[in-house]
Amino acid sequence: MKKDLMGKSDPYVKVKLTEEKLPSKKTSVKRSNLNPEWNEEFKLVVKDPESQALELTVFDWEQVGKHDKMGMNVIPLKDMIPDETKSVTLNLLKSMDSNDPVNEKFRGQLTVELTYNPFKEGDADLDTCDESGTIEKAPDGTPEGGGLLVVIVHEAQDVEGKHHTNPYARIVFMGEERKTKHIKKNRDPHWEEEFQFVCEEPPTNDKMQIEVMSRPPSIGIHSKENLGYVVINLADVISNKRINEKYHLIDSKNGRIQLELQWRTS
């Protein structure tokens, strides 16, 4: 649907399982686009395929104020055949009340591809395997009952400063601060840097803030600038063992950052 004054929208999708307290996963925002293509993949841990459903909600991103909900739909998991990929095109609805007359208005469609992979005997402890193989174990000496939180800052795109763009990423967690190297005059920096935090216990209720900053040139009157930031709830990382996602930078026009977080236990 057209939501902006210019007859466009800035859509993104939130993905979550019903009956799940974890925060939703989100796609990137496609700016000024009524026919967005994402091709982004998310992994969610299913607890009860008989009762749970996948809930998909499309929002129109706003620079200021609340993001507008454009439509939603759900896919019951009990209809899924294990280990079989299914492509579904859903009509977006205003609400999931089948008697609601507002649902007769066409709000667009969303195409998703799903595969339900039940855990095999022996991997139900969620030592996740995926694109990069198994999650490594935490090194010896990691506190028992705790673990190692690993943050890999991959790259950012479309970051922009008012006076300069010499970006570096700054991680703030539990009073600690870590920084990547800065990259001169670059709006699409690739860092590929890894940082590790030893935790006495799983940081399930904690958040991590990651900021993209710009360092001023050595000769110049302007000070450092904030190019945007994200706040990550770590409950998702602890339960899934690993997430690798692109986040839209808050307070940035188009900036995005790709972060990978792993929770390693001994």
Protein backbone atom coordinates (compact mmCIF):
# COMPACT_ATOMS: atom_id res chain seq x y z
CA MET A 1 0.00 0.00 0.00
CA LYS A 2 1.03 3.60 -0.57
CA LYS A 3 1.64 5.18 2.82
CA ASP A 4 3.87 8.18 2.13
CA LEU A 5 2.97 11.55 0.65
CA MET A 6 4.99 10.71 -2.46
CA GLY A 7 2.84 7.62 -3.12
CA LYS A 8 5.50 5.21 -1.88
CA SER A 9 6.20 3.14 1.24
CA ASP A 10 9.29 2.05 3.20
CA PRO A 11 8.30 -1.53 4.01
CA TYR A 12 9.91 -4.06 6.34
CA VAL A 13 8.60 -7.33 7.78
CA LYS A 14 8.54 -8.59 11.37
CA VAL A 15 8.71 -12.37 11.75
CA LYS A 16 7.84 -14.26 14.93
CA LEU A 17 6.31 -17.46 16.23
CA THR A 18 3.05 -17.23 18.18
CA GLU A 19 3.25 -18.17 21.90
CA GLU A 20 6.89 -17.04 21.91
CA LYS A 21 8.22 -14.29 24.20
CA LEU A 22 11.37 -13.60 22.15
CA PRO A 23 11.53 -10.31 20.21
CA SER A 24 10.49 -10.48 16.55
CA LYS A 25 13.12 -10.84 13.86
CA LYS A 26 13.07 -8.07 11.24
CA THR A 27 14.01 -7.71 7.62
CA SER A 28 15.85 -4.66 6.33
CA VAL A 29 13.80 -1.62 5.25
CA LYS A 30 13.26 -1.19 1.50
CA ARG A 31 13.00 2.53 0.92
CA SER A 32 10.40 4.04 -1.48
CA ASN A 33 9.31 0.65 -2.74
CA LEU A 34 5.85 -0.84 -3.31
CA ASN A 35 7.24 -4.16 -4.62
CA PRO A 36 10.12 -4.94 -2.25
CA GLU A 37 12.28 -8.05 -2.56
CA TRP A 38 14.15 -9.11 0.56
CA ASN A 39 15.50 -12.64 0.08
CA GLU A 40 16.52 -12.66 3.75
CA GLU A 41 16.60 -15.83 5.82
CA PHE A 42 15.65 -16.28 9.48
CA LYS A 43 15.83 -19.30 11.77
CA LEU A 44 13.31 -19.74 14.57
CA VAL A 45 13.19 -22.54 17.14
CA VAL A 46 9.78 -24.23 17.18
CA LYS A 47 8.55 -25.54 20.54
CA ASP A 48 5.16 -26.98 19.52
CA PRO A 49 4.39 -27.34 15.79
CA GLU A 50 0.82 -28.44 16.56
CA SER A 51 -0.16 -25.17 18.24
CA GLN A 52 2.30 -22.55 16.99
CA ALA A 53 2.01 -20.44 13.84
CA LEU A 54 4.43 -18.17 11.99
CA GLU A 55 3.21 -14.57 12.24
CA LEU A 56 4.29 -12.10 9.54
CA THR A 57 3.55 -8.38 9.83
CA VAL A 58 4.47 -5.75 7.24
CA PHE A 59 5.23 -2.24 8.52
CA ASP A 60 5.94 1.09 6.84
CA TRP A 61 9.12 2.48 8.41
CA GLU A 62 8.96 6.10 9.61
CA GLN A 63 11.92 8.35 10.42
CA VAL A 64 9.92 9.92 13.26
CA GLY A 65 7.12 8.42 15.33
CA LYS A 66 5.43 5.06 15.20
CA HIS A 67 5.87 2.74 12.21
CA ASP A 68 2.55 2.08 10.43
CA LYS A 69 1.27 -1.48 10.33
CA MET A 70 0.31 -2.23 6.71
CA GLY A 71 -0.97 -5.79 7.04
CA MET A 72 -0.35 -9.24 8.48
CA ASN A 73 -1.08 -12.95 8.15
CA VAL A 74 -0.16 -16.23 9.84
CA ILE A 75 0.88 -19.70 8.67
CA PRO A 76 -0.06 -22.57 11.05
CA LEU A 77 2.94 -24.89 11.44
CA LYS A 78 0.76 -27.99 11.73
CA ASP A 79 0.19 -27.66 7.95
CA MET A 80 3.92 -27.99 7.26
CA ILE A 81 5.40 -31.26 6.00
CA PRO A 82 8.75 -31.85 7.78
CA ASP A 83 11.90 -31.16 5.71
CA GLU A 84 9.85 -29.99 2.72
CA THR A 85 10.20 -26.43 1.43
CA LYS A 86 6.91 -24.68 0.82
CA SER A 87 6.36 -21.36 -0.99
CA VAL A 88 3.27 -19.42 0.13
CA THR A 89 1.74 -16.16 -1.11
CA LEU A 90 -0.40 -14.56 1.59
CA ASN A 91 -2.95 -11.77 1.27
CA LEU A 92 -2.13 -9.10 3.85
CA LEU A 93 -4.98 -8.55 6.32
CA LYS A 94 -5.74 -5.71 8.70
CA SER A 95 -6.41 -8.19 11.52
CA MET A 96 -6.71 -11.94 12.06
CA ASP A 97 -10.45 -11.61 12.82
CA SER A 98 -12.06 -13.43 9.88
CA ASN A 99 -15.35 -11.54 10.39
CA ASP A 100 -13.73 -8.09 10.28
CA PRO A 101 -15.13 -6.27 7.20
CA VAL A 102 -11.92 -4.16 6.85
CA ASN A 103 -10.19 -7.35 5.67
CA GLU A 104 -12.07 -7.14 2.38
CA LYS A 105 -9.83 -4.25 1.29
CA PHE A 106 -6.78 -5.41 -0.70
CA ARG A 107 -3.61 -4.53 1.21
CA GLY A 108 -1.02 -6.30 -0.94
CA GLN A 109 0.58 -9.74 -0.78
CA LEU A 110 3.65 -11.28 0.83
CA THR A 111 5.52 -14.29 -0.58
CA VAL A 112 7.54 -16.44 1.82
CA GLU A 113 9.36 -19.73 1.57
CA LEU A 114 9.41 -21.99 4.64
CA THR A 115 11.11 -25.21 5.63
CA TYR A 116 10.30 -26.95 8.90
CA ASN A 117 13.26 -29.10 10.05
CA PRO A 118 12.43 -31.12 13.18
CA PHE A 119 15.44 -31.72 15.42
CA LYS A 120 16.88 -35.20 15.06
CA GLU A 121 17.67 -37.39 18.05
CA GLY A 122 20.77 -35.96 19.67
CA ASP A 123 20.61 -32.40 18.40
CA ALA A 124 17.63 -31.31 20.48
CA ASP A 125 20.03 -29.45 22.78
CA LEU A 126 20.23 -26.85 19.99
CA ASP A 127 23.97 -26.88 19.50
CA THR A 128 23.09 -25.16 16.28
CA CYS A 129 24.52 -26.16 12.97
CA ASP A 130 24.08 -23.85 10.03
CA GLU A 131 25.91 -22.19 7.16
CA SER A 132 29.21 -22.07 9.00
CA GLY A 133 28.95 -25.49 10.66
CA THR A 134 28.68 -25.99 14.38
CA ILE A 135 28.99 -23.26 16.98
CA GLU A 136 32.36 -23.57 18.68
CA LYS A 137 32.52 -24.46 22.34
CA ALA A 138 33.62 -21.81 24.82
CA PRO A 139 37.31 -22.10 25.81
CA ASP A 140 38.44 -23.74 29.05
CA GLY A 141 38.16 -21.41 32.00
CA THR A 142 34.80 -19.98 30.88
CA PRO A 143 32.58 -19.70 33.99
CA GLU A 144 30.40 -22.78 34.48
CA GLY A 145 26.76 -21.79 34.01
CA GLY A 146 27.95 -18.82 31.97
CA GLY A 147 29.54 -18.61 28.55
CA LEU A 148 31.29 -16.58 25.90
CA LEU A 149 29.34 -13.96 23.94
CA VAL A 150 31.00 -13.43 20.56
CA VAL A 151 30.18 -10.40 18.41
CA ILE A 152 31.34 -10.26 14.80
CA VAL A 153 30.93 -6.84 13.19
CA HIS A 154 30.78 -7.70 9.48
CA GLU A 155 29.98 -4.51 7.57
CA ALA A 156 27.73 -1.48 7.20
CA GLN A 157 26.06 0.17 4.22
CA ASP A 158 24.91 3.68 3.33
CA VAL A 159 26.28 5.32 6.47
CA GLU A 160 26.47 9.08 6.16
CA GLY A 161 27.94 11.88 8.25
CA LYS A 162 27.20 15.59 8.06
CA HIS A 163 30.86 16.60 8.01
CA HIS A 164 32.87 13.41 7.43
CA THR A 165 32.40 9.64 7.05
CA ASN A 166 35.35 7.77 8.56
CA PRO A 167 33.32 5.02 10.18
CA TYR A 168 34.11 2.67 13.03
CA ALA A 169 31.78 0.55 15.18
CA ARG A 170 31.65 0.87 18.96
CA ILE A 171 30.18 -1.91 21.11
CA VAL A 172 28.88 -1.08 24.59
CA PHE A 173 28.01 -4.03 26.82
CA MET A 174 27.93 -4.46 30.63
CA GLY A 175 30.00 -1.32 31.12
CA GLU A 176 32.68 -2.48 28.65
CA GLU A 177 33.46 -0.68 25.40
CA ARG A 178 35.17 -2.14 22.31
CA LYS A 179 35.88 -0.54 18.94
CA THR A 180 36.66 -1.67 15.41
CA LYS A 181 39.35 0.07 13.37
CA HIS A 182 38.14 3.16 11.52
CA ILE A 183 37.97 3.22 7.72
CA LYS A 184 38.66 6.49 5.93
CA LYS A 185 36.09 8.11 3.63
CA ASN A 186 33.84 5.11 3.22
CA ARG A 187 30.06 4.80 3.33
CA ASP A 188 30.10 0.99 2.99
CA PRO A 189 32.78 -0.15 5.44
CA HIS A 190 33.80 -3.82 5.77
CA TRP A 191 35.28 -4.56 9.19
CA GLU A 192 35.01 -8.34 9.76
CA GLU A 193 36.22 -7.92 13.35
CA GLU A 194 35.43 -10.23 16.27
CA PHE A 195 34.99 -9.29 19.94
CA GLN A 196 34.47 -11.61 22.91
CA PHE A 197 32.79 -11.01 26.26
CA VAL A 198 33.03 -13.56 29.09
CA CYS A 199 29.72 -13.79 31.00
CA GLU A 200 29.24 -15.32 34.46
CA GLU A 201 25.67 -16.24 33.46
CA PRO A 202 23.58 -16.09 30.25
CA PRO A 203 22.79 -12.38 29.58
CA THR A 204 19.15 -13.24 28.77
CA ASN A 205 17.73 -9.97 30.13
CA ASP A 206 20.55 -7.75 28.88
CA LYS A 207 20.86 -5.53 25.85
CA MET A 208 23.89 -4.63 23.76
CA GLN A 209 24.27 -1.28 22.01
CA ILE A 210 26.34 -1.02 18.84
CA GLU A 211 27.00 2.44 17.42
CA VAL A 212 28.55 3.47 14.14
CA MET A 213 30.70 6.55 14.73
CA SER A 214 32.76 8.70 12.38
CA ARG A 215 36.21 9.81 13.45
CA PRO A 216 37.14 13.35 12.40
CA PRO A 217 40.03 13.77 9.97
CA SER A 218 43.28 14.71 11.71
CA ILE A 219 43.04 18.20 10.25
CA GLY A 220 39.56 19.55 10.70
CA ILE A 221 37.32 21.58 12.97
CA HIS A 222 34.51 19.04 13.31
CA SER A 223 34.38 16.54 16.16
CA LYS A 224 33.38 12.87 15.91
CA GLU A 225 29.85 12.11 14.73
CA ASN A 226 27.28 9.45 15.52
CA LEU A 227 26.10 7.79 12.27
CA GLY A 228 23.41 5.59 13.86
CA TYR A 229 23.04 2.77 16.36
CA VAL A 230 21.18 -0.47 17.15
CA VAL A 231 20.12 -2.03 20.44
CA ILE A 232 19.99 -5.84 20.50
CA ASN A 233 18.05 -7.88 23.04
CA LEU A 234 20.33 -10.80 23.84
CA ALA A 235 17.53 -13.28 24.74
CA ASP A 236 17.29 -14.15 21.04
CA VAL A 237 21.03 -14.91 20.83
CA ILE A 238 20.99 -17.08 23.96
CA SER A 239 18.03 -19.18 22.77
CA ASN A 240 19.15 -19.56 19.12
CA LYS A 241 22.91 -19.80 19.95
CA ARG A 242 23.64 -17.68 16.88
CA ILE A 243 22.06 -14.84 14.89
CA ASN A 244 23.45 -13.19 11.76
CA GLU A 245 21.30 -10.27 10.64
CA LYS A 246 21.28 -6.87 8.99
CA TYR A 247 19.83 -4.12 11.18
CA HIS A 248 18.57 -0.72 10.14
CA LEU A 249 20.57 1.91 12.04
CA ILE A 250 18.41 4.09 14.28
CA ASP A 251 18.92 7.83 13.61
CA SER A 252 20.31 7.10 10.14
CA LYS A 253 18.54 7.78 6.87
CA ASN A 254 19.45 4.55 5.03
CA GLY A 255 22.30 3.07 7.08
CA ARG A 256 22.39 -0.65 7.88
CA ILE A 257 24.82 -2.83 9.78
CA GLN A 258 25.41 -6.58 9.57
CA LEU A 259 26.17 -8.24 12.89
CA GLU A 260 26.68 -11.82 13.93
CA LEU A 261 26.34 -12.82 17.58
CA GLN A 262 27.13 -16.25 19.02
CA TRP A 263 26.59 -17.68 22.47
CA ARG A 264 29.18 -20.35 23.25
CA THR A 265 29.03 -22.58 26.30
CA SER A 266 31.65 -25.03 27.50
